[in-house]
Amino acid sequence: MTTGTLRLATRGSDLALRQAAGVREALSTRRRDVELVEVETRGDELDEALITELGRTGAFVRALDEEVLSGEVDAAVHSLKDMPTDLPEGLVVAAVGERAPAGDALVTRAGGGLADLPRGAVVGTSSLRRKAQLLAEHPDLEVRPLRGNVDTRLQKLIAADLQAEHERRIEAEANHEGDPDVREEDSEARNASDGRATQQRKEDERTVEEWFDDLSEFQRGALEYDLDHEYDAVVLAEAGLRRSELFYRDEYEVERLDRADHVPAPGQGAVAVTASDPEVVETVRSALDDEPTRVAVSVERTVLSELGGGCIAPIGINALVQGEHVKTTVRVLSADGGTEVRSTRDLPLRTYREAAAEFAAALREQGAAELIAAAKRSADTDDAKRAEEDSEARSASDGRAARPRDPEDEGGDSAERPGSEPNRERGDPGADEPSDEGDDGTDDADGEADPADADPEAVEE
């Protein structure tokens, strides 16, 4: 294809669209018109109970690639972190763009780093890797699941404080309106003050409506969540924060985590474009491909493939091209962070694929194989338990359906009270919003592929 508009498939989340827009901008340097085509993926349709399976099935990826293979679009834009290491026949990775910062970041309401969090502090993430790395360094933390798009997770972090302030203002306004003596006492107190807290008084004097009107759309969204618990901090991919333009905000503080300890997921921070037509491949590659990034992520995905851990085990792999070597750090942990195998090796650039495979073999001999096998056994047990619970739930449901209906129970269990709404948390990815973590958001199975499907050459043409 040498002329005409290039059609790029992308997911419809805000971050995915931003990444696709970056690809479109790069292609504009080749004087090509580009149309973005939003595609709903199977991952966008699954409920939260299946989110942990997404890394194994490529649920956020397959639908886009199928559009390419069918000829409906010319190419598809992916977060490389989410891509299985095997590709459908006839499809290649046309380009891997220059990598954004690959590491993770700690986001807190009060500021400070991990060392500043108190014992028992609640940190939000659903990533096995991030949880294990956090507990390895700070076993006194409480790590709780946290899903949703990048902005969703940040809103859940700040929600408790905003909701408490909202309730305080509602209560204060109700008291002032109902008790003239309270209003008079407040007025006398303000008149007696020495002016040092003038700005604070102005803040307090605003009505609830005025206070709400002054909130940003981001803050208003946080007020709508029905939280089961508060978070003291959350861990997110730095790339996702920056691409979403959420790295700097007044509501929270962000601290970058050291990649030596908090080793990111393979491919984190990189955007890839898949295509099948040779002319499209060449056009995309010439406009977008960054060779150092391609080499680095190829090393990471090769090590992952050879280790065979996929999304089942907590595995961090990070590679960086430095001169004639590729500095590669790998960290494989138990789920609780109590046991680990960690190593860093400089791989020769000229033979990086072979060297990456040899590095993985050495790690397996050092104990990584045992850790991964234990993680698989645990995952199999969890899968069996989930299947049993689903079976019991279906049986119970069938039993209820078989019972004769009581005429006095018209409407059944599914009838809703007048004016009521389904109890669904706004923005809950378990209902209809895709989970968006790492760099495009899909943290939380760490987006890694099933090792049974692994092909270390898949990222190469």
Protein backbone atom coordinates (compact mmCIF):
# COMPACT_ATOMS: atom_id res chain seq x y z
CA MET A 1 0.00 0.00 0.00
CA THR A 2 1.74 3.15 -1.16
CA THR A 3 -1.11 5.67 -1.14
CA GLY A 4 -4.32 6.30 0.74
CA THR A 5 -5.22 6.64 4.38
CA LEU A 6 -3.63 4.28 6.90
CA ARG A 7 -6.17 2.85 9.31
CA LEU A 8 -4.80 2.17 12.81
CA ALA A 9 -6.73 -0.03 15.25
CA THR A 10 -6.67 0.97 18.91
CA ARG A 11 -8.58 0.36 22.08
CA GLY A 12 -10.89 3.16 23.12
CA SER A 13 -9.45 4.03 26.54
CA ASP A 14 -8.04 7.50 26.99
CA LEU A 15 -4.49 6.25 27.37
CA ALA A 16 -4.72 3.89 24.40
CA LEU A 17 -5.98 6.74 22.24
CA ARG A 18 -3.12 8.95 23.39
CA GLN A 19 -0.62 6.26 22.42
CA ALA A 20 -2.27 5.78 19.05
CA ALA A 21 -2.20 9.54 18.50
CA GLY A 22 1.56 9.46 19.05
CA VAL A 23 1.90 6.82 16.35
CA ARG A 24 -0.28 8.88 14.03
CA GLU A 25 1.93 11.91 14.61
CA ALA A 26 5.05 9.91 13.78
CA LEU A 27 3.49 8.63 10.57
CA SER A 28 2.54 12.16 9.57
CA THR A 29 6.26 12.75 8.96
CA ARG A 30 5.90 10.30 6.05
CA ARG A 31 3.09 12.42 4.64
CA ARG A 32 0.50 9.76 5.32
CA ASP A 33 -3.04 10.45 6.39
CA VAL A 34 -3.95 8.28 9.37
CA GLU A 35 -7.36 7.31 10.72
CA LEU A 36 -7.72 5.86 14.22
CA VAL A 37 -10.25 3.02 14.46
CA GLU A 38 -11.48 2.17 17.95
CA VAL A 39 -11.99 -1.55 18.48
CA GLU A 40 -13.70 -3.16 21.45
CA THR A 41 -11.64 -6.08 22.70
CA ARG A 42 -12.70 -9.16 24.60
CA GLY A 43 -10.84 -7.76 27.59
CA ASP A 44 -13.19 -4.77 27.57
CA GLU A 45 -16.14 -7.14 27.98
CA LEU A 46 -14.86 -9.42 30.76
CA ASP A 47 -15.84 -9.06 34.39
CA GLU A 48 -13.33 -8.42 37.15
CA ALA A 49 -13.12 -12.08 38.17
CA LEU A 50 -11.42 -12.81 34.86
CA ILE A 51 -9.02 -9.87 34.78
CA THR A 52 -6.17 -12.02 36.08
CA GLU A 53 -6.55 -14.22 33.00
CA LEU A 54 -6.00 -11.38 30.56
CA GLY A 55 -2.23 -11.76 30.44
CA ARG A 56 -2.58 -15.41 29.50
CA THR A 57 -5.08 -14.93 26.69
CA GLY A 58 -4.05 -11.56 25.26
CA ALA A 59 -7.66 -10.43 25.62
CA PHE A 60 -6.77 -6.76 25.12
CA VAL A 61 -4.71 -7.57 22.04
CA ARG A 62 -6.23 -10.30 19.88
CA ALA A 63 -9.23 -8.37 18.61
CA LEU A 64 -7.02 -5.59 17.26
CA ASP A 65 -4.72 -8.02 15.46
CA GLU A 66 -7.68 -9.85 13.98
CA GLU A 67 -8.79 -6.57 12.42
CA VAL A 68 -5.37 -6.30 10.79
CA LEU A 69 -5.40 -9.85 9.45
CA SER A 70 -8.93 -9.44 8.08
CA GLY A 71 -7.90 -6.33 6.18
CA GLU A 72 -10.31 -4.06 8.03
CA VAL A 73 -7.37 -1.95 9.24
CA ASP A 74 -3.75 -1.60 8.16
CA ALA A 75 -2.06 -1.80 11.57
CA ALA A 76 -2.77 -2.00 15.29
CA VAL A 77 -1.28 -0.10 18.23
CA HIS A 78 -0.53 -1.98 21.45
CA SER A 79 1.19 -1.54 24.77
CA LEU A 80 3.99 -4.05 24.29
CA LYS A 81 3.65 -5.04 27.94
CA ASP A 82 0.24 -6.53 27.17
CA MET A 83 1.24 -8.50 24.08
CA PRO A 84 1.65 -12.28 24.23
CA THR A 85 5.04 -13.30 22.91
CA ASP A 86 3.45 -15.38 20.15
CA LEU A 87 1.92 -13.62 17.15
CA PRO A 88 -0.74 -14.93 14.77
CA GLU A 89 0.64 -16.26 11.50
CA GLY A 90 1.16 -13.51 8.97
CA LEU A 91 1.49 -10.74 11.55
CA VAL A 92 4.72 -9.00 12.57
CA VAL A 93 5.75 -6.25 14.94
CA ALA A 94 6.35 -3.51 12.41
CA ALA A 95 7.82 -1.09 14.92
CA VAL A 96 8.58 -0.52 18.59
CA GLY A 97 8.60 3.17 19.41
CA GLU A 98 11.10 4.90 21.65
CA ARG A 99 10.45 3.77 25.18
CA ALA A 100 8.96 5.99 27.84
CA PRO A 101 10.33 5.68 31.39
CA ALA A 102 9.96 1.98 32.11
CA GLY A 103 9.80 2.02 35.89
CA ASP A 104 7.04 2.12 38.50
CA ALA A 105 6.04 5.07 40.65
CA LEU A 106 4.60 5.40 44.15
CA VAL A 107 1.69 7.84 44.44
CA THR A 108 0.70 9.07 47.90
CA ARG A 109 -1.75 11.57 49.32
CA ALA A 110 0.66 12.84 51.96
CA GLY A 111 3.91 12.70 49.99
CA GLY A 112 7.11 10.84 50.74
CA GLY A 113 8.40 7.44 49.72
CA LEU A 114 7.92 3.83 50.76
CA ALA A 115 10.06 4.32 53.85
CA ASP A 116 7.71 7.08 55.02
CA LEU A 117 4.59 4.89 54.96
CA PRO A 118 3.49 3.79 58.45
CA ARG A 119 3.19 0.15 59.48
CA GLY A 120 -0.01 -1.33 58.11
CA ALA A 121 -0.36 1.31 55.40
CA VAL A 122 -2.64 0.20 52.57
CA VAL A 123 -1.05 0.22 49.11
CA GLY A 124 -3.18 -0.43 46.05
CA THR A 125 -2.14 -2.67 43.16
CA SER A 126 -3.42 -5.90 41.65
CA SER A 127 -0.10 -6.78 40.04
CA LEU A 128 1.50 -9.93 41.43
CA ARG A 129 4.91 -8.51 40.61
CA ARG A 130 4.38 -5.18 42.31
CA LYS A 131 2.83 -6.79 45.37
CA ALA A 132 5.72 -9.22 45.84
CA GLN A 133 8.33 -6.48 45.37
CA LEU A 134 6.57 -4.23 47.87
CA LEU A 135 6.31 -6.97 50.49
CA ALA A 136 9.92 -8.03 49.98
CA GLU A 137 11.05 -4.55 51.00
CA HIS A 138 8.26 -3.69 53.46
CA PRO A 139 6.48 -6.80 54.78
CA ASP A 140 4.49 -4.67 57.21
CA LEU A 141 2.48 -3.07 54.37
CA GLU A 142 -1.04 -4.18 53.48
CA VAL A 143 -1.34 -4.58 49.70
CA ARG A 144 -4.91 -4.53 48.41
CA PRO A 145 -6.28 -5.04 44.89
CA LEU A 146 -6.88 -1.90 42.85
CA ARG A 147 -8.15 -1.93 39.29
CA GLY A 148 -9.34 0.53 36.70
CA ASN A 149 -7.87 3.05 34.33
CA VAL A 150 -5.00 5.23 35.50
CA ASP A 151 -7.27 8.12 36.42
CA THR A 152 -9.71 5.73 38.13
CA ARG A 153 -7.02 4.43 40.46
CA LEU A 154 -5.78 7.91 41.29
CA GLN A 155 -9.30 9.07 42.02
CA LYS A 156 -9.77 6.14 44.40
CA LEU A 157 -6.59 7.24 46.19
CA ILE A 158 -7.86 10.77 46.86
CA ALA A 159 -11.54 9.86 47.23
CA ALA A 160 -11.57 9.34 51.00
CA ASP A 161 -10.18 12.79 51.81
CA LEU A 162 -12.51 14.56 49.39
CA GLN A 163 -15.54 12.64 50.60
CA ALA A 164 -14.71 13.41 54.23
CA GLU A 165 -14.37 17.11 53.40
CA HIS A 166 -17.64 17.04 51.51
CA GLU A 167 -19.47 15.46 54.46
CA ARG A 168 -17.87 17.92 56.88
CA ARG A 169 -19.07 20.89 54.83
CA ILE A 170 -22.58 19.48 54.46
CA GLU A 171 -22.84 18.94 58.22
CA ALA A 172 -21.40 22.36 59.04
CA GLU A 173 -23.73 24.11 56.61
CA ALA A 174 -26.73 22.27 58.03
CA ASN A 175 -25.75 23.26 61.59
CA HIS A 176 -25.23 26.90 60.63
CA GLU A 177 -28.56 27.14 58.86
CA GLY A 178 -30.42 25.52 61.72
CA ASP A 179 -28.88 27.35 64.69
CA PRO A 180 -28.58 31.18 64.67
CA ASP A 181 -26.36 31.04 67.77
CA VAL A 182 -23.79 28.97 65.87
CA ARG A 183 -23.71 31.53 63.07
CA GLU A 184 -23.27 34.40 65.58
CA GLU A 185 -20.47 32.58 67.42
CA ASP A 186 -18.69 31.88 64.14
CA SER A 187 -18.98 35.54 63.16
CA GLU A 188 -17.55 36.71 66.49
CA ALA A 189 -14.69 34.23 66.19
CA ARG A 190 -13.83 35.46 62.73
CA ASN A 191 -13.89 39.09 63.86
CA ALA A 192 -11.58 38.27 66.78
CA SER A 193 -8.97 36.54 64.62
CA ASP A 194 -5.75 38.38 63.79
CA GLY A 195 -5.92 37.84 60.01
CA ARG A 196 -3.26 35.14 59.83
CA ALA A 197 -5.81 32.58 58.56
CA THR A 198 -7.71 34.84 56.18
CA GLN A 199 -7.40 32.49 53.23
CA GLN A 200 -8.48 29.49 55.28
CA ARG A 201 -11.52 31.41 56.51
CA LYS A 202 -12.46 32.21 52.92
CA GLU A 203 -12.18 28.52 52.11
CA ASP A 204 -14.40 27.59 55.07
CA GLU A 205 -16.95 30.29 54.28
CA ARG A 206 -17.77 28.85 50.87
CA THR A 207 -21.08 27.05 50.61
CA VAL A 208 -21.07 23.35 49.71
CA GLU A 209 -22.21 24.27 46.22
CA GLU A 210 -19.43 26.85 45.82
CA TRP A 211 -16.86 24.35 47.10
CA PHE A 212 -18.10 21.71 44.66
CA ASP A 213 -18.08 24.16 41.74
CA ASP A 214 -14.41 24.92 42.45
CA LEU A 215 -13.43 21.25 42.17
CA SER A 216 -11.85 19.94 39.01
CA GLU A 217 -13.60 17.28 36.95
CA PHE A 218 -10.99 14.84 38.24
CA GLN A 219 -11.88 15.65 41.87
CA ARG A 220 -15.62 15.48 41.22
CA GLY A 221 -15.16 12.03 39.77
CA ALA A 222 -13.43 10.92 42.98
CA LEU A 223 -16.46 11.95 45.05
CA GLU A 224 -18.63 9.39 43.28
CA TYR A 225 -16.80 6.23 44.38
CA ASP A 226 -18.23 3.92 47.01
CA LEU A 227 -15.02 2.77 48.68
CA ASP A 228 -14.65 -0.40 50.72
CA HIS A 229 -11.42 0.92 52.22
CA GLU A 230 -8.98 3.79 51.96
CA TYR A 231 -5.61 3.66 50.21
CA ASP A 232 -2.54 5.38 51.60
CA ALA A 233 -0.67 4.91 48.33
CA VAL A 234 -0.91 3.25 44.93
CA VAL A 235 1.78 1.94 42.60
CA LEU A 236 1.48 2.68 38.88
CA ALA A 237 3.68 2.66 35.79
CA GLU A 238 5.47 5.95 35.36
CA ALA A 239 4.85 5.79 31.61
CA GLY A 240 1.10 5.64 32.11
CA LEU A 241 1.13 8.62 34.46
CA ARG A 242 3.17 10.72 32.05
CA ARG A 243 1.26 9.77 28.91
CA SER A 244 -2.02 10.52 30.69
CA GLU A 245 -0.61 13.88 31.85
CA LEU A 246 -1.31 12.83 35.44
CA PHE A 247 2.24 12.76 36.77
CA TYR A 248 2.00 16.24 38.30
CA ARG A 249 -1.16 17.18 40.22
CA ASP A 250 -1.87 19.03 43.45
CA GLU A 251 -3.98 16.22 44.91
CA TYR A 252 -1.09 13.77 45.34
CA GLU A 253 2.66 13.38 45.08
CA VAL A 254 4.59 10.95 42.86
CA GLU A 255 7.93 9.35 43.67
CA ARG A 256 9.77 7.22 41.13
CA LEU A 257 10.75 3.78 42.44
CA ASP A 258 14.28 2.48 41.93
CA ARG A 259 14.27 0.02 39.04
CA ALA A 260 17.03 -2.00 40.69
CA ASP A 261 14.55 -3.11 43.37
CA HIS A 262 11.21 -2.49 41.69
CA VAL A 263 12.06 -4.20 38.43
CA PRO A 264 9.35 -3.45 35.83
CA ALA A 265 7.44 -5.92 33.71
CA PRO A 266 8.91 -6.97 30.34
CA GLY A 267 8.02 -4.40 27.70
CA GLN A 268 6.70 -1.85 30.19
CA GLY A 269 6.75 1.66 28.77
CA ALA A 270 7.02 0.57 25.12
CA VAL A 271 4.40 0.92 22.37
CA ALA A 272 4.36 -1.55 19.48
CA VAL A 273 2.59 -1.53 16.12
CA THR A 274 1.61 -4.77 14.40
CA ALA A 275 0.95 -5.10 10.66
CA SER A 276 0.90 -7.72 7.91
CA ASP A 277 1.25 -5.90 4.59
CA PRO A 278 4.97 -5.54 3.73
CA GLU A 279 4.59 -1.97 2.49
CA VAL A 280 2.73 -0.95 5.63
CA VAL A 281 5.38 -2.66 7.74
CA GLU A 282 8.14 -0.70 6.02
CA THR A 283 6.24 2.59 6.29
CA VAL A 284 5.58 2.13 10.00
CA ARG A 285 9.08 0.89 10.75
CA SER A 286 10.81 3.76 9.00
CA ALA A 287 8.66 6.31 10.82
CA LEU A 288 8.56 4.87 14.32
CA ASP A 289 10.99 2.06 15.10
CA ASP A 290 13.62 2.73 17.77
CA GLU A 291 16.37 0.11 17.56
CA PRO A 292 17.68 0.36 21.16
CA THR A 293 14.15 -0.09 22.48
CA ARG A 294 13.51 -3.02 20.12
CA VAL A 295 16.67 -4.76 21.30
CA ALA A 296 15.90 -4.14 24.97
CA VAL A 297 12.35 -5.46 24.84
CA SER A 298 13.47 -8.44 22.73
CA VAL A 299 15.88 -9.37 25.51
CA GLU A 300 13.16 -8.98 28.15
CA ARG A 301 10.64 -11.09 26.25
CA THR A 302 13.21 -13.77 25.47
CA VAL A 303 14.11 -14.11 29.15
CA LEU A 304 10.41 -14.25 30.05
CA SER A 305 9.78 -16.93 27.44
CA GLU A 306 12.71 -19.06 28.60
CA LEU A 307 11.76 -18.72 32.27
CA GLY A 308 8.20 -19.74 31.47
CA GLY A 309 6.64 -17.58 34.17
CA GLY A 310 4.18 -15.51 32.22
CA CYS A 311 1.60 -13.68 34.31
CA ILE A 312 1.47 -16.53 36.83
CA ALA A 313 4.62 -15.65 38.78
CA PRO A 314 5.96 -12.32 40.07
CA ILE A 315 8.70 -11.62 37.52
CA GLY A 316 10.40 -8.32 36.76
CA ILE A 317 12.76 -7.99 33.79
CA ASN A 318 14.39 -4.80 32.60
CA ALA A 319 17.01 -4.36 29.88
CA LEU A 320 18.92 -1.29 28.74
CA VAL A 321 21.32 -0.99 25.81
CA GLN A 322 24.62 0.48 27.01
CA GLY A 323 27.31 0.64 24.36
CA GLU A 324 28.21 -2.88 23.26
CA HIS A 325 26.19 -4.55 26.01
CA VAL A 326 22.60 -4.90 27.15
CA LYS A 327 22.42 -4.50 30.92
CA THR A 328 19.66 -6.86 32.05
CA THR A 329 18.16 -7.16 35.53
CA VAL A 330 15.81 -10.00 36.47
CA ARG A 331 13.93 -10.52 39.71
CA VAL A 332 11.76 -13.60 40.32
CA LEU A 333 9.90 -13.75 43.63
CA SER A 334 7.50 -15.82 45.63
CA ALA A 335 4.01 -14.36 45.97
CA ASP A 336 4.72 -13.03 49.47
CA GLY A 337 8.10 -11.59 48.52
CA GLY A 338 9.85 -13.77 51.09
CA THR A 339 11.97 -15.72 48.60
CA GLU A 340 13.58 -14.50 45.42
CA VAL A 341 16.17 -15.03 42.73
CA ARG A 342 17.76 -11.84 41.49
CA SER A 343 20.59 -11.20 39.07
CA THR A 344 22.01 -8.57 36.73
CA ARG A 345 24.12 -9.41 33.71
CA ASP A 346 25.70 -7.49 30.84
CA LEU A 347 24.73 -9.33 27.66
CA PRO A 348 26.78 -8.88 24.48
CA LEU A 349 24.86 -6.77 22.00
CA ARG A 350 25.95 -8.80 18.97
CA THR A 351 24.42 -12.02 20.33
CA TYR A 352 21.76 -10.65 22.64
CA ARG A 353 19.09 -13.24 21.79
CA GLU A 354 21.32 -16.22 22.55
CA ALA A 355 22.79 -14.47 25.59
CA ALA A 356 19.29 -13.72 26.95
CA ALA A 357 18.32 -17.39 26.65
CA GLU A 358 21.51 -18.44 28.45
CA PHE A 359 20.84 -15.91 31.20
CA ALA A 360 17.35 -17.32 31.72
CA ALA A 361 18.73 -20.86 31.91
CA ALA A 362 21.17 -19.79 34.61
CA LEU A 363 18.37 -18.16 36.58
CA ARG A 364 16.29 -21.31 36.41
CA GLU A 365 19.19 -23.29 37.85
CA GLN A 366 19.58 -20.74 40.63
CA GLY A 367 16.04 -21.40 41.85
CA ALA A 368 13.76 -19.41 39.56
CA ALA A 369 12.28 -22.64 38.19
CA GLU A 370 11.15 -23.71 41.66
CA LEU A 371 9.56 -20.33 42.38
CA ILE A 372 7.69 -20.37 39.08
CA ALA A 373 6.55 -23.98 39.60
CA ALA A 374 5.19 -23.05 43.04
CA ALA A 375 3.35 -20.09 41.52
CA LYS A 376 1.81 -22.35 38.88
CA ARG A 377 0.63 -24.82 41.51
CA SER A 378 -0.95 -21.99 43.45
CA ALA A 379 -2.62 -20.64 40.30
CA ASP A 380 -3.97 -24.08 39.43
CA THR A 381 -5.40 -24.41 42.94
CA ASP A 382 -7.03 -20.99 42.67
CA ASP A 383 -8.46 -21.85 39.25
CA ALA A 384 -9.92 -25.11 40.57
CA LYS A 385 -11.43 -23.33 43.57
CA ARG A 386 -12.92 -20.64 41.33
CA ALA A 387 -14.39 -23.27 39.00
CA GLU A 388 -15.94 -25.10 41.97
CA GLU A 389 -17.45 -21.89 43.32
CA ASP A 390 -18.84 -21.02 39.88
CA SER A 391 -20.35 -24.49 39.58
CA GLU A 392 -21.99 -24.22 43.00
CA ALA A 393 -23.35 -20.78 42.14
CA ARG A 394 -24.85 -22.07 38.89
CA SER A 395 -26.41 -25.02 40.69
CA ALA A 396 -27.93 -22.75 43.29
CA SER A 397 -29.24 -20.46 40.57
CA ASP A 398 -30.78 -23.37 38.68
CA GLY A 399 -32.41 -24.55 41.89
CA ARG A 400 -34.01 -21.17 42.51
CA ALA A 401 -35.26 -21.02 38.94
CA ALA A 402 -36.89 -24.46 39.31
CA ARG A 403 -38.92 -23.50 42.39
CA PRO A 404 -42.57 -22.46 41.83
CA ARG A 405 -42.97 -18.71 41.99
CA ASP A 406 -44.73 -17.31 45.01
CA PRO A 407 -47.49 -14.98 43.78
CA GLU A 408 -46.67 -12.63 46.65
CA ASP A 409 -43.08 -12.42 45.48
CA GLU A 410 -43.81 -10.91 42.07
CA GLY A 411 -40.64 -9.46 40.60
CA GLY A 412 -38.40 -11.99 42.36
CA ASP A 413 -34.96 -11.34 43.71
CA SER A 414 -34.05 -9.17 40.73
CA ALA A 415 -36.71 -6.54 41.37
CA GLU A 416 -35.23 -3.17 42.30
CA ARG A 417 -36.67 -0.71 44.76
CA PRO A 418 -38.33 2.33 43.18
CA GLY A 419 -35.68 4.88 42.37
CA SER A 420 -32.83 2.52 43.14
CA GLU A 421 -29.87 1.90 40.88
CA PRO A 422 -27.70 -1.18 40.52
CA ASN A 423 -24.95 -1.18 43.12
CA ARG A 424 -22.05 -0.65 40.72
CA GLU A 425 -19.08 1.45 41.60
CA ARG A 426 -18.47 4.19 39.05
CA GLY A 427 -15.60 3.31 36.78
CA ASP A 428 -15.46 -0.30 37.97
CA PRO A 429 -13.63 -2.21 35.25
CA GLY A 430 -15.40 -5.32 36.40
CA ALA A 431 -18.56 -4.01 34.82
CA ASP A 432 -17.83 -2.30 31.55
CA GLU A 433 -14.55 -0.43 31.85
CA PRO A 434 -11.26 -2.03 30.82
CA SER A 435 -8.54 -2.27 33.38
CA ASP A 436 -5.82 0.16 32.36
CA GLU A 437 -2.62 0.00 34.27
CA GLY A 438 0.97 -0.27 33.43
CA ASP A 439 1.82 1.97 30.62
CA ASP A 440 -1.54 1.80 28.99
CA GLY A 441 -2.94 0.61 32.19
CA THR A 442 -3.41 -3.07 32.09
CA ASP A 443 -1.38 -3.59 35.21
CA ASP A 444 -2.66 -5.92 36.79
CA ALA A 445 -1.87 -9.27 35.55
CA ASP A 446 1.30 -7.51 34.47
CA GLY A 447 0.22 -8.12 30.93
CA GLU A 448 2.56 -11.01 30.40
CA ALA A 449 1.84 -13.91 28.08
CA ASP A 450 1.26 -17.57 28.82
CA PRO A 451 4.63 -19.27 28.60
CA ALA A 452 3.02 -22.13 26.73
CA ASP A 453 2.48 -19.75 23.84
CA ALA A 454 5.83 -18.02 24.10
CA ASP A 455 7.92 -17.27 21.04
CA PRO A 456 11.00 -15.18 21.77
CA GLU A 457 11.30 -14.11 18.13
CA ALA A 458 7.78 -12.74 17.94
CA VAL A 459 8.88 -9.18 18.58
CA GLU A 460 11.30 -9.44 15.68
CA GLU A 461 10.06 -9.21 12.15
